[in-house]
Protein backbone atom coordinates (compact mmCIF):
# COMPACT_ATOMS: atom_id res chain seq x y z
CA MET A 1 -33.21 7.95 74.94
CA THR A 2 -31.04 11.04 75.27
CA ASP A 3 -28.19 11.24 77.70
CA VAL A 4 -28.91 14.34 79.78
CA GLU A 5 -26.22 13.72 82.37
CA PRO A 6 -23.55 16.42 82.22
CA ARG A 7 -20.35 15.31 80.53
CA TYR A 8 -17.05 16.96 81.27
CA THR A 9 -13.86 17.05 79.25
CA ILE A 10 -10.67 15.84 80.85
CA GLU A 11 -9.61 19.48 81.34
CA GLU A 12 -12.88 20.33 83.09
CA THR A 13 -12.60 17.22 85.24
CA ALA A 14 -9.01 18.05 86.13
CA ARG A 15 -10.07 21.54 87.17
CA ARG A 16 -13.00 20.22 89.25
CA THR A 17 -10.98 17.52 91.03
CA GLY A 18 -7.56 19.12 91.35
CA LEU A 19 -6.03 16.13 89.58
CA SER A 20 -3.98 16.55 86.44
CA ALA A 21 -5.18 15.11 83.13
CA HIS A 22 -2.19 12.78 83.32
CA THR A 23 -3.30 11.50 86.74
CA LEU A 24 -6.87 10.98 85.53
CA ARG A 25 -5.58 8.87 82.63
CA TYR A 26 -3.26 6.98 85.00
CA TYR A 27 -6.10 6.26 87.45
CA GLU A 28 -8.13 4.88 84.56
CA ARG A 29 -5.19 2.79 83.30
CA ILE A 30 -4.54 1.18 86.71
CA GLY A 31 -8.22 0.55 87.39
CA LEU A 32 -8.98 3.17 90.03
CA LEU A 33 -11.45 4.73 87.61
CA GLU A 34 -13.62 2.64 85.31
CA PRO A 35 -13.00 3.19 81.62
CA VAL A 36 -14.45 6.63 80.93
CA GLY A 37 -17.04 7.16 78.24
CA ARG A 38 -16.03 8.81 74.99
CA GLY A 39 -17.70 11.51 72.97
CA SER A 40 -18.18 11.31 69.22
CA SER A 41 -14.74 12.87 68.86
CA GLY A 42 -13.20 9.98 70.80
CA HIS A 43 -12.24 12.25 73.70
CA ARG A 44 -12.99 11.22 77.25
CA ARG A 45 -16.23 12.52 78.75
CA TYR A 46 -16.59 12.32 82.52
CA THR A 47 -19.92 12.13 84.36
CA ASP A 48 -20.80 13.63 87.72
CA GLN A 49 -20.30 10.13 89.17
CA ASP A 50 -16.78 9.95 87.65
CA VAL A 51 -15.96 13.38 89.09
CA GLY A 52 -17.26 12.37 92.54
CA LEU A 53 -15.20 9.21 92.52
CA ALA A 54 -12.08 11.10 91.42
CA GLU A 55 -12.63 13.55 94.29
CA PHE A 56 -12.93 10.66 96.77
CA LEU A 57 -9.79 9.03 95.38
CA THR A 58 -8.03 12.38 95.82
CA CYS A 59 -9.14 12.41 99.46
CA LEU A 60 -7.76 8.92 100.01
CA ARG A 61 -4.47 9.74 98.30
CA GLN A 62 -3.98 13.07 100.07
CA THR A 63 -4.54 11.37 103.41
CA GLY A 64 -1.75 8.93 102.67
CA MET A 65 -3.52 5.85 101.37
CA PRO A 66 -1.15 3.93 99.09
CA ILE A 67 -2.22 3.35 95.48
CA ARG A 68 -2.26 -0.43 96.08
CA ALA A 69 -4.74 -0.02 98.97
CA MET A 70 -6.86 2.29 96.81
CA GLN A 71 -6.92 -0.39 94.10
CA GLN A 72 -7.98 -3.00 96.65
CA PHE A 73 -10.73 -0.71 97.90
CA MET A 74 -12.00 -0.12 94.36
CA ALA A 75 -11.91 -3.88 93.66
CA LEU A 76 -14.14 -4.36 96.71
CA THR A 77 -16.47 -1.64 95.46
CA ARG A 78 -16.79 -3.29 92.06
CA ALA A 79 -17.39 -6.70 93.64
CA GLY A 80 -20.80 -5.60 94.88
CA ASP A 81 -22.79 -4.77 97.96
CA GLN A 82 -21.70 -7.92 99.80
CA THR A 83 -18.28 -6.22 100.24
CA ILE A 84 -19.68 -3.19 102.06
CA PRO A 85 -18.53 -4.52 105.48
CA ASP A 86 -15.02 -5.02 104.08
CA ARG A 87 -15.03 -1.49 102.70
CA VAL A 88 -16.02 -0.13 106.10
CA VAL A 89 -13.14 -2.07 107.70
CA ALA A 90 -10.69 -0.65 105.13
CA LEU A 91 -11.88 2.93 105.62
CA VAL A 92 -11.90 2.65 109.43
CA ALA A 93 -8.33 1.31 109.37
CA HIS A 94 -7.25 4.19 107.13
CA ARG A 95 -9.01 6.70 109.40
CA GLU A 96 -7.18 5.25 112.43
CA GLU A 97 -3.83 5.63 110.66
CA LEU A 98 -4.77 9.19 109.76
CA ALA A 99 -5.73 9.95 113.38
CA GLU A 100 -2.29 8.71 114.50
CA GLN A 101 -0.60 10.96 111.93
CA ILE A 102 -2.68 13.94 113.06
CA ALA A 103 -1.74 13.30 116.71
CA LEU A 104 1.94 13.09 115.77
CA LEU A 105 1.74 16.31 113.76
CA HIS A 106 0.00 18.01 116.68
CA ARG A 107 2.82 16.99 119.02
CA HIS A 108 5.39 18.32 116.53
CA PHE A 109 3.40 21.54 116.15
CA GLU A 110 3.38 22.02 119.93
CA ALA A 111 7.14 21.37 120.13
CA LEU A 112 7.82 23.95 117.41
CA THR A 113 5.52 26.46 119.09
CA GLY A 114 7.38 25.96 122.37
CA LYS A 115 10.75 26.48 120.68
CA ILE A 116 9.50 29.63 118.93
CA ASP A 117 8.19 31.00 122.24
CA TYR A 118 11.56 30.26 123.87
CA TYR A 119 13.53 32.06 121.17
CA GLN A 120 11.13 34.98 121.05
CA GLY A 121 11.64 35.36 124.79
CA LEU A 122 15.40 35.51 124.23
CA VAL A 123 14.98 38.08 121.46
CA THR A 124 12.91 40.26 123.80
CA GLU A 125 15.26 39.77 126.76
CA TYR A 126 18.44 40.55 124.82
CA ARG A 127 16.84 42.91 122.28
CA CYS A 128 18.35 40.90 119.47
CA GLU A 129 17.84 41.75 115.86
CA PRO A 130 17.67 39.07 113.18
CA VAL A 131 20.97 38.59 111.36
CA LYS A 132 20.71 39.97 107.86
CA GLU A 133 22.82 38.59 105.06
CA ASN A 134 24.86 40.97 102.93
CA ALA A 135 23.24 41.66 99.60
């Protein structure tokens, strides 16, 4: 049987996922990614499934999930379908933390916008010019 599934080099996978080659190797080493298949040259060859998982891990990491929690989530995934409810609980908890962070950032954004509006009003009222540093 021939393997017709696309296989990507580590460089192609890095480009597709936004992760560095170093990070891909690290994720494999710490168990976030399963050991990746190798080509006849011995170089890693990533499948579409590997790329999709790396993209999901990137999503989790960029939304603030700690590596340890990501490892726990992946351990649940590997443990089988009976852990699906536990995975849902983990993802819902992470989403709730993310929602709190978004709300906090929104409040900070509004505070900054209010301060900018205040200062722009002063600039208009007093016809101030920005202070320029000497070159």
